[in-house]
Amino acid sequence: MQSQHIVNAYDQELRKLHSYIAEMGGQAEQQLREAMQAIVTRDSDLAGKVVREDGLLDELERKVEAQTIRLLALRQPVACDLREVITALKAASNLERIGDFAANVAKRSLALQQMPEIGLTRSLGPLGQTAGEMLNAVVQAYLDDDIDGALRVRDRDEDLDRAYTALFRELLTYMMETPQRITACTHLLFAAKNLERIGDHATNIAEAVCFRIRGSLPEEERQKGDETSFAVVSPGILGDGPTR
């Protein structure tokens, strides 16, 4: 963390703020991990648990907000100290949104369990794994003041985008070949988008870490690999296709 201050209580308050972020990161990782397990294994009990526990991140975010207000009011931080408080607030906001997206994946799994299983559900696994690795790495980078680790997370966002685009095209093709499975595939598309958005929020935290340490955001533009806005699948190129 940052160098110690003359007022020891100030350092204690900052440590408390960081402990909330660490707790939020752990809770968000658990929700994502369990949501992925629920959708792949069709575990309704686990999906329900993820949805119910989403409020834990909301409560932790409120604690971060209260602590930042306290620090701003009582300590009036400037320069790197001010950046540290602002970054904690940004990290908490993004972690709360990550929890929301994980809960949305769990909700989609509950809907999918009402329909026959399709093999493409397991194609979500690599997206969930990458998103989870990015989340774990960026929380660690936040706690360690590791700007190189934060930048590596930022770089991985393009890989997650490209994996999402590939799955998007695969699901579109499957829906065209198997129209009776359109509803299930639509739920999978939304779940995949939620995982892609988790990567975006992990990247937001990575950029906030850079801001805290450097005092500025990365100069190079963030590379994006999400091409789903332009994706077109022509019926003429479809072959025999999957029969799942």
C-alpha atoms as a PDB file:
ATOM      1  CA  MET A   1       0.000   0.000   0.000  1.00  0.00           C
ATOM      2  CA  GLN A   2       0.939   3.645   0.194  1.00  0.00           C
ATOM      3  CA  SER A   3       3.546   5.000   2.636  1.00  0.00           C
ATOM      4  CA  GLN A   4       2.464   5.482   6.221  1.00  0.00           C
ATOM      5  CA  HIS A   5       1.004   8.760   7.429  1.00  0.00           C
ATOM      6  CA  ILE A   6       1.824  10.742  10.547  1.00  0.00           C
ATOM      7  CA  VAL A   7      -1.696  10.151  11.864  1.00  0.00           C
ATOM      8  CA  ASN A   8      -1.857   6.416  12.534  1.00  0.00           C
ATOM      9  CA  ALA A   9      -5.654   6.456  12.572  1.00  0.00           C
ATOM     10  CA  TYR A  10      -5.602   7.556   8.944  1.00  0.00           C
ATOM     11  CA  ASP A  11      -3.640   4.459   7.942  1.00  0.00           C
ATOM     12  CA  GLN A  12      -6.076   2.294   9.876  1.00  0.00           C
ATOM     13  CA  GLU A  13      -8.998   3.866   8.030  1.00  0.00           C
ATOM     14  CA  LEU A  14      -7.310   3.258   4.685  1.00  0.00           C
ATOM     15  CA  ARG A  15      -6.597  -0.368   5.627  1.00  0.00           C
ATOM     16  CA  LYS A  16     -10.249  -0.779   6.536  1.00  0.00           C
ATOM     17  CA  LEU A  17     -11.223   0.605   3.126  1.00  0.00           C
ATOM     18  CA  HIS A  18      -8.912  -1.837   1.360  1.00  0.00           C
ATOM     19  CA  SER A  19     -10.214  -4.730   3.456  1.00  0.00           C
ATOM     20  CA  TYR A  20     -13.719  -3.989   2.159  1.00  0.00           C
ATOM     21  CA  ILE A  21     -12.438  -4.109  -1.436  1.00  0.00           C
ATOM     22  CA  ALA A  22     -10.673  -7.414  -0.750  1.00  0.00           C
ATOM     23  CA  GLU A  23     -13.874  -8.822   0.731  1.00  0.00           C
ATOM     24  CA  MET A  24     -15.909  -7.595  -2.218  1.00  0.00           C
ATOM     25  CA  GLY A  25     -13.435  -9.163  -4.625  1.00  0.00           C
ATOM     26  CA  GLY A  26     -13.636 -12.505  -2.867  1.00  0.00           C
ATOM     27  CA  GLN A  27     -17.428 -12.415  -2.815  1.00  0.00           C
ATOM     28  CA  ALA A  28     -17.634 -11.456  -6.495  1.00  0.00           C
ATOM     29  CA  GLU A  29     -15.262 -14.287  -7.442  1.00  0.00           C
ATOM     30  CA  GLN A  30     -17.346 -16.776  -5.470  1.00  0.00           C
ATOM     31  CA  GLN A  31     -20.578 -15.606  -7.097  1.00  0.00           C
ATOM     32  CA  LEU A  32     -19.090 -15.894 -10.574  1.00  0.00           C
ATOM     33  CA  ARG A  33     -17.611 -19.322  -9.873  1.00  0.00           C
ATOM     34  CA  GLU A  34     -20.884 -20.645  -8.467  1.00  0.00           C
ATOM     35  CA  ALA A  35     -22.961 -19.097 -11.245  1.00  0.00           C
ATOM     36  CA  MET A  36     -20.817 -20.856 -13.845  1.00  0.00           C
ATOM     37  CA  GLN A  37     -21.089 -24.154 -11.998  1.00  0.00           C
ATOM     38  CA  ALA A  38     -24.857 -23.720 -11.753  1.00  0.00           C
ATOM     39  CA  ILE A  39     -25.364 -23.058 -15.460  1.00  0.00           C
ATOM     40  CA  VAL A  40     -23.089 -25.872 -16.633  1.00  0.00           C
ATOM     41  CA  THR A  41     -24.358 -28.506 -14.184  1.00  0.00           C
ATOM     42  CA  ARG A  42     -27.983 -27.276 -14.162  1.00  0.00           C
ATOM     43  CA  ASP A  43     -27.894 -26.884 -10.379  1.00  0.00           C
ATOM     44  CA  SER A  44     -30.970 -24.875  -9.385  1.00  0.00           C
ATOM     45  CA  ASP A  45     -30.086 -24.785  -5.680  1.00  0.00           C
ATOM     46  CA  LEU A  46     -26.685 -23.254  -6.393  1.00  0.00           C
ATOM     47  CA  ALA A  47     -28.188 -20.772  -8.850  1.00  0.00           C
ATOM     48  CA  GLY A  48     -30.698 -19.690  -6.211  1.00  0.00           C
ATOM     49  CA  LYS A  49     -27.876 -19.222  -3.704  1.00  0.00           C
ATOM     50  CA  VAL A  50     -26.014 -16.913  -6.075  1.00  0.00           C
ATOM     51  CA  VAL A  51     -29.115 -14.800  -6.640  1.00  0.00           C
ATOM     52  CA  ARG A  52     -29.873 -14.557  -2.911  1.00  0.00           C
ATOM     53  CA  GLU A  53     -26.320 -13.614  -1.967  1.00  0.00           C
ATOM     54  CA  ASP A  54     -26.066 -10.783  -4.487  1.00  0.00           C
ATOM     55  CA  GLY A  55     -27.195  -8.415  -1.741  1.00  0.00           C
ATOM     56  CA  LEU A  56     -23.952  -9.072   0.159  1.00  0.00           C
ATOM     57  CA  LEU A  57     -22.006  -7.085  -2.428  1.00  0.00           C
ATOM     58  CA  ASP A  58     -24.560  -4.280  -2.269  1.00  0.00           C
ATOM     59  CA  GLU A  59     -24.039  -4.041   1.487  1.00  0.00           C
ATOM     60  CA  LEU A  60     -20.263  -4.040   1.144  1.00  0.00           C
ATOM     61  CA  GLU A  61     -20.446  -1.293  -1.474  1.00  0.00           C
ATOM     62  CA  ARG A  62     -22.448   0.814   0.962  1.00  0.00           C
ATOM     63  CA  LYS A  63     -19.718   0.288   3.564  1.00  0.00           C
ATOM     64  CA  VAL A  64     -17.084   1.454   1.075  1.00  0.00           C
ATOM     65  CA  GLU A  65     -19.151   4.525   0.253  1.00  0.00           C
ATOM     66  CA  ALA A  66     -19.574   5.362   3.940  1.00  0.00           C
ATOM     67  CA  GLN A  67     -15.862   4.901   4.593  1.00  0.00           C
ATOM     68  CA  THR A  68     -14.846   7.076   1.648  1.00  0.00           C
ATOM     69  CA  ILE A  69     -17.223   9.831   2.758  1.00  0.00           C
ATOM     70  CA  ARG A  70     -15.709   9.631   6.226  1.00  0.00           C
ATOM     71  CA  LEU A  71     -12.176   9.891   4.853  1.00  0.00           C
ATOM     72  CA  LEU A  72     -13.033  12.793   2.567  1.00  0.00           C
ATOM     73  CA  ALA A  73     -14.782  14.701   5.334  1.00  0.00           C
ATOM     74  CA  LEU A  74     -12.317  14.106   8.167  1.00  0.00           C
ATOM     75  CA  ARG A  75      -8.972  13.802   6.379  1.00  0.00           C
ATOM     76  CA  GLN A  76      -9.473  15.939   3.279  1.00  0.00           C
ATOM     77  CA  PRO A  77      -6.946  13.872   1.268  1.00  0.00           C
ATOM     78  CA  VAL A  78      -5.054  15.355  -1.655  1.00  0.00           C
ATOM     79  CA  ALA A  79      -2.791  14.051  -4.437  1.00  0.00           C
ATOM     80  CA  CYS A  80      -2.036  10.308  -4.133  1.00  0.00           C
ATOM     81  CA  ASP A  81      -4.174   9.998  -1.001  1.00  0.00           C
ATOM     82  CA  LEU A  82      -7.167  11.396  -2.841  1.00  0.00           C
ATOM     83  CA  ARG A  83      -6.536   9.055  -5.772  1.00  0.00           C
ATOM     84  CA  GLU A  84      -6.450   6.134  -3.358  1.00  0.00           C
ATOM     85  CA  VAL A  85      -9.881   6.966  -1.981  1.00  0.00           C
ATOM     86  CA  ILE A  86     -11.364   7.614  -5.430  1.00  0.00           C
ATOM     87  CA  THR A  87      -9.948   4.333  -6.757  1.00  0.00           C
ATOM     88  CA  ALA A  88     -11.503   2.387  -3.896  1.00  0.00           C
ATOM     89  CA  LEU A  89     -14.871   3.921  -4.705  1.00  0.00           C
ATOM     90  CA  LYS A  90     -14.510   3.041  -8.398  1.00  0.00           C
ATOM     91  CA  ALA A  91     -13.379  -0.502  -7.603  1.00  0.00           C
ATOM     92  CA  ALA A  92     -16.338  -1.056  -5.297  1.00  0.00           C
ATOM     93  CA  SER A  93     -18.791   0.165  -7.924  1.00  0.00           C
ATOM     94  CA  ASN A  94     -17.336  -2.157 -10.560  1.00  0.00           C
ATOM     95  CA  LEU A  95     -17.242  -5.144  -8.202  1.00  0.00           C
ATOM     96  CA  GLU A  96     -20.882  -4.599  -7.326  1.00  0.00           C
ATOM     97  CA  ARG A  97     -21.758  -4.633 -11.027  1.00  0.00           C
ATOM     98  CA  ILE A  98     -19.730  -7.805 -11.508  1.00  0.00           C
ATOM     99  CA  GLY A  99     -21.859  -9.397  -8.802  1.00  0.00           C
ATOM    100  CA  ASP A 100     -24.989  -8.292 -10.641  1.00  0.00           C
ATOM    101  CA  PHE A 101     -23.774  -9.919 -13.858  1.00  0.00           C
ATOM    102  CA  ALA A 102     -22.914 -13.146 -12.023  1.00  0.00           C
ATOM    103  CA  ALA A 103     -26.416 -13.165 -10.535  1.00  0.00           C
ATOM    104  CA  ASN A 104     -27.843 -12.647 -14.024  1.00  0.00           C
ATOM    105  CA  VAL A 105     -25.946 -15.720 -15.254  1.00  0.00           C
ATOM    106  CA  ALA A 106     -27.482 -17.672 -12.383  1.00  0.00           C
ATOM    107  CA  LYS A 107     -30.954 -16.431 -13.316  1.00  0.00           C
ATOM    108  CA  ARG A 108     -30.415 -17.527 -16.922  1.00  0.00           C
ATOM    109  CA  SER A 109     -29.408 -20.958 -15.661  1.00  0.00           C
ATOM    110  CA  LEU A 110     -32.723 -21.236 -13.803  1.00  0.00           C
ATOM    111  CA  ALA A 111     -34.562 -20.489 -17.038  1.00  0.00           C
ATOM    112  CA  LEU A 112     -32.446 -22.967 -19.009  1.00  0.00           C
ATOM    113  CA  GLN A 113     -33.236 -25.718 -16.527  1.00  0.00           C
ATOM    114  CA  GLN A 114     -36.860 -25.548 -17.644  1.00  0.00           C
ATOM    115  CA  MET A 115     -35.803 -26.609 -21.160  1.00  0.00           C
ATOM    116  CA  PRO A 116     -33.958 -29.599 -22.654  1.00  0.00           C
ATOM    117  CA  GLU A 117     -30.196 -29.273 -22.293  1.00  0.00           C
ATOM    118  CA  ILE A 118     -28.078 -28.186 -25.263  1.00  0.00           C
ATOM    119  CA  GLY A 119     -24.391 -28.972 -25.568  1.00  0.00           C
ATOM    120  CA  LEU A 120     -23.413 -25.371 -26.320  1.00  0.00           C
ATOM    121  CA  THR A 121     -24.036 -24.505 -22.669  1.00  0.00           C
ATOM    122  CA  ARG A 122     -20.593 -25.881 -21.876  1.00  0.00           C
ATOM    123  CA  SER A 123     -19.087 -23.466 -24.377  1.00  0.00           C
ATOM    124  CA  LEU A 124     -19.627 -20.780 -21.740  1.00  0.00           C
ATOM    125  CA  GLY A 125     -16.935 -22.432 -19.614  1.00  0.00           C
ATOM    126  CA  PRO A 126     -13.878 -20.804 -21.253  1.00  0.00           C
ATOM    127  CA  LEU A 127     -15.519 -17.363 -21.073  1.00  0.00           C
ATOM    128  CA  GLY A 128     -16.302 -17.832 -17.402  1.00  0.00           C
ATOM    129  CA  GLN A 129     -12.790 -19.042 -16.673  1.00  0.00           C
ATOM    130  CA  THR A 130     -11.169 -16.070 -18.405  1.00  0.00           C
ATOM    131  CA  ALA A 131     -13.494 -13.605 -16.688  1.00  0.00           C
ATOM    132  CA  GLY A 132     -12.770 -15.237 -13.333  1.00  0.00           C
ATOM    133  CA  GLU A 133      -9.013 -15.109 -13.876  1.00  0.00           C
ATOM    134  CA  MET A 134      -9.217 -11.436 -14.826  1.00  0.00           C
ATOM    135  CA  LEU A 135     -11.270 -10.682 -11.721  1.00  0.00           C
ATOM    136  CA  ASN A 136      -8.889 -12.517  -9.406  1.00  0.00           C
ATOM    137  CA  ALA A 137      -5.840 -10.867 -10.970  1.00  0.00           C
ATOM    138  CA  VAL A 138      -7.206  -7.328 -10.873  1.00  0.00           C
ATOM    139  CA  VAL A 139      -8.223  -7.548  -7.211  1.00  0.00           C
ATOM    140  CA  GLN A 140      -4.722  -8.786  -6.411  1.00  0.00           C
ATOM    141  CA  ALA A 141      -3.212  -5.969  -8.476  1.00  0.00           C
ATOM    142  CA  TYR A 142      -5.344  -3.481  -6.543  1.00  0.00           C
ATOM    143  CA  LEU A 143      -4.204  -4.840  -3.188  1.00  0.00           C
ATOM    144  CA  ASP A 144      -0.519  -5.056  -4.228  1.00  0.00           C
ATOM    145  CA  ASP A 145      -0.256  -1.731  -6.072  1.00  0.00           C
ATOM    146  CA  ASP A 146       0.830  -3.849  -9.054  1.00  0.00           C
ATOM    147  CA  ILE A 147       0.545  -1.703 -12.152  1.00  0.00           C
ATOM    148  CA  ASP A 148       2.038  -4.391 -14.415  1.00  0.00           C
ATOM    149  CA  GLY A 149      -0.550  -6.885 -13.179  1.00  0.00           C
ATOM    150  CA  ALA A 150      -3.305  -4.356 -13.794  1.00  0.00           C
ATOM    151  CA  LEU A 151      -2.090  -3.752 -17.354  1.00  0.00           C
ATOM    152  CA  ARG A 152      -2.015  -7.494 -18.039  1.00  0.00           C
ATOM    153  CA  VAL A 153      -5.660  -7.705 -17.012  1.00  0.00           C
ATOM    154  CA  ARG A 154      -6.443  -4.816 -19.334  1.00  0.00           C
ATOM    155  CA  ASP A 155      -4.725  -6.612 -22.210  1.00  0.00           C
ATOM    156  CA  ARG A 156      -6.728  -9.802 -21.635  1.00  0.00           C
ATOM    157  CA  ASP A 157     -10.021  -8.024 -22.205  1.00  0.00           C
ATOM    158  CA  GLU A 158      -9.532  -8.253 -25.972  1.00  0.00           C
ATOM    159  CA  ASP A 159      -9.132 -12.047 -25.729  1.00  0.00           C
ATOM    160  CA  LEU A 160     -12.385 -12.317 -23.789  1.00  0.00           C
ATOM    161  CA  ASP A 161     -14.137 -10.147 -26.365  1.00  0.00           C
ATOM    162  CA  ARG A 162     -12.954 -12.369 -29.205  1.00  0.00           C
ATOM    163  CA  ALA A 163     -14.073 -15.526 -27.400  1.00  0.00           C
ATOM    164  CA  TYR A 164     -17.473 -13.931 -26.837  1.00  0.00           C
ATOM    165  CA  THR A 165     -17.742 -12.990 -30.522  1.00  0.00           C
ATOM    166  CA  ALA A 166     -16.899 -16.560 -31.572  1.00  0.00           C
ATOM    167  CA  LEU A 167     -19.557 -18.015 -29.260  1.00  0.00           C
ATOM    168  CA  PHE A 168     -22.063 -15.411 -30.445  1.00  0.00           C
ATOM    169  CA  ARG A 169     -21.572 -16.543 -34.062  1.00  0.00           C
ATOM    170  CA  GLU A 170     -21.790 -20.205 -33.045  1.00  0.00           C
ATOM    171  CA  LEU A 171     -25.073 -19.643 -31.224  1.00  0.00           C
ATOM    172  CA  LEU A 172     -26.544 -17.688 -34.147  1.00  0.00           C
ATOM    173  CA  THR A 173     -25.665 -20.535 -36.494  1.00  0.00           C
ATOM    174  CA  TYR A 174     -27.201 -23.096 -34.157  1.00  0.00           C
ATOM    175  CA  MET A 175     -30.423 -21.087 -33.859  1.00  0.00           C
ATOM    176  CA  MET A 176     -30.753 -20.873 -37.636  1.00  0.00           C
ATOM    177  CA  GLU A 177     -30.293 -24.622 -37.985  1.00  0.00           C
ATOM    178  CA  THR A 178     -32.435 -25.542 -34.984  1.00  0.00           C
ATOM    179  CA  PRO A 179     -35.205 -22.922 -34.620  1.00  0.00           C
ATOM    180  CA  GLN A 180     -36.943 -24.879 -31.865  1.00  0.00           C
ATOM    181  CA  ARG A 181     -33.977 -24.114 -29.586  1.00  0.00           C
ATOM    182  CA  ILE A 182     -34.027 -20.362 -30.121  1.00  0.00           C
ATOM    183  CA  THR A 183     -35.326 -19.629 -26.607  1.00  0.00           C
ATOM    184  CA  ALA A 184     -32.577 -21.624 -24.910  1.00  0.00           C
ATOM    185  CA  CYS A 185     -29.906 -20.115 -27.157  1.00  0.00           C
ATOM    186  CA  THR A 186     -31.167 -16.620 -26.410  1.00  0.00           C
ATOM    187  CA  HIS A 187     -30.668 -17.233 -22.688  1.00  0.00           C
ATOM    188  CA  LEU A 188     -27.152 -18.483 -23.445  1.00  0.00           C
ATOM    189  CA  LEU A 189     -26.448 -15.355 -25.497  1.00  0.00           C
ATOM    190  CA  PHE A 190     -27.444 -13.146 -22.572  1.00  0.00           C
ATOM    191  CA  ALA A 191     -25.340 -15.242 -20.178  1.00  0.00           C
ATOM    192  CA  ALA A 192     -22.330 -14.933 -22.513  1.00  0.00           C
ATOM    193  CA  LYS A 193     -22.825 -11.169 -22.715  1.00  0.00           C
ATOM    194  CA  ASN A 194     -22.872 -10.977 -18.919  1.00  0.00           C
ATOM    195  CA  LEU A 195     -19.493 -12.736 -18.817  1.00  0.00           C
ATOM    196  CA  GLU A 196     -18.090 -10.347 -21.425  1.00  0.00           C
ATOM    197  CA  ARG A 197     -19.296  -7.407 -19.331  1.00  0.00           C
ATOM    198  CA  ILE A 198     -17.589  -8.836 -16.245  1.00  0.00           C
ATOM    199  CA  GLY A 199     -14.342  -8.595 -18.200  1.00  0.00           C
ATOM    200  CA  ASP A 200     -15.106  -4.969 -19.015  1.00  0.00           C
ATOM    201  CA  HIS A 201     -15.608  -4.126 -15.341  1.00  0.00           C
ATOM    202  CA  ALA A 202     -12.430  -5.958 -14.340  1.00  0.00           C
ATOM    203  CA  THR A 203     -10.652  -3.825 -16.943  1.00  0.00           C
ATOM    204  CA  ASN A 204     -12.218  -0.686 -15.475  1.00  0.00           C
ATOM    205  CA  ILE A 205     -10.700  -1.597 -12.111  1.00  0.00           C
ATOM    206  CA  ALA A 206      -7.337  -2.220 -13.783  1.00  0.00           C
ATOM    207  CA  GLU A 207      -7.407   1.267 -15.285  1.00  0.00           C
ATOM    208  CA  ALA A 208      -8.363   2.735 -11.915  1.00  0.00           C
ATOM    209  CA  VAL A 209      -5.326   1.032 -10.371  1.00  0.00           C
ATOM    210  CA  CYS A 210      -3.148   2.653 -13.044  1.00  0.00           C
ATOM    211  CA  PHE A 211      -4.707   6.011 -12.212  1.00  0.00           C
ATOM    212  CA  ARG A 212      -4.007   5.550  -8.506  1.00  0.00           C
ATOM    213  CA  ILE A 213      -0.346   4.692  -9.038  1.00  0.00           C
ATOM    214  CA  ARG A 214       0.574   6.899 -12.005  1.00  0.00           C
ATOM    215  CA  GLY A 215      -1.884   9.713 -11.568  1.00  0.00           C
ATOM    216  CA  SER A 216      -3.158   9.142 -15.107  1.00  0.00           C
ATOM    217  CA  LEU A 217      -4.970   6.526 -17.147  1.00  0.00           C
ATOM    218  CA  PRO A 218      -3.093   4.365 -19.696  1.00  0.00           C
ATOM    219  CA  GLU A 219      -2.283   6.448 -22.750  1.00  0.00           C
ATOM    220  CA  GLU A 220      -2.866   3.703 -25.299  1.00  0.00           C
ATOM    221  CA  GLU A 221      -6.466   3.096 -26.289  1.00  0.00           C
ATOM    222  CA  ARG A 222      -8.074  -0.054 -24.934  1.00  0.00           C
ATOM    223  CA  GLN A 223      -8.208  -2.742 -27.631  1.00  0.00           C
ATOM    224  CA  LYS A 224     -11.640  -4.283 -28.163  1.00  0.00           C
ATOM    225  CA  GLY A 225     -12.396  -7.601 -29.810  1.00  0.00           C
ATOM    226  CA  ASP A 226     -16.189  -7.607 -29.547  1.00  0.00           C
ATOM    227  CA  GLU A 227     -17.438  -7.694 -33.138  1.00  0.00           C
ATOM    228  CA  THR A 228     -20.946  -8.935 -32.405  1.00  0.00           C
ATOM    229  CA  SER A 229     -22.477  -5.619 -33.482  1.00  0.00           C
ATOM    230  CA  PHE A 230     -21.376  -6.430 -37.032  1.00  0.00           C
ATOM    231  CA  ALA A 231     -21.861 -10.210 -36.953  1.00  0.00           C
ATOM    232  CA  VAL A 232     -23.828 -11.663 -39.863  1.00  0.00           C
ATOM    233  CA  VAL A 233     -24.435 -15.371 -40.411  1.00  0.00           C
ATOM    234  CA  SER A 234     -25.658 -16.274 -43.891  1.00  0.00           C
ATOM    235  CA  PRO A 235     -27.918 -19.321 -44.251  1.00  0.00           C
ATOM    236  CA  GLY A 236     -26.061 -20.167 -47.459  1.00  0.00           C
ATOM    237  CA  ILE A 237     -22.869 -21.031 -45.581  1.00  0.00           C
ATOM    238  CA  LEU A 238     -24.470 -23.473 -43.157  1.00  0.00           C
ATOM    239  CA  GLY A 239     -23.525 -27.109 -43.454  1.00  0.00           C
ATOM    240  CA  ASP A 240     -25.045 -30.101 -41.746  1.00  0.00           C
ATOM    241  CA  GLY A 241     -24.526 -28.330 -38.405  1.00  0.00           C
ATOM    242  CA  PRO A 242     -24.779 -29.653 -34.891  1.00  0.00           C
ATOM    243  CA  THR A 243     -27.591 -31.896 -33.791  1.00  0.00           C
ATOM    244  CA  ARG A 244     -27.370 -31.102 -30.101  1.00  0.00           C
END
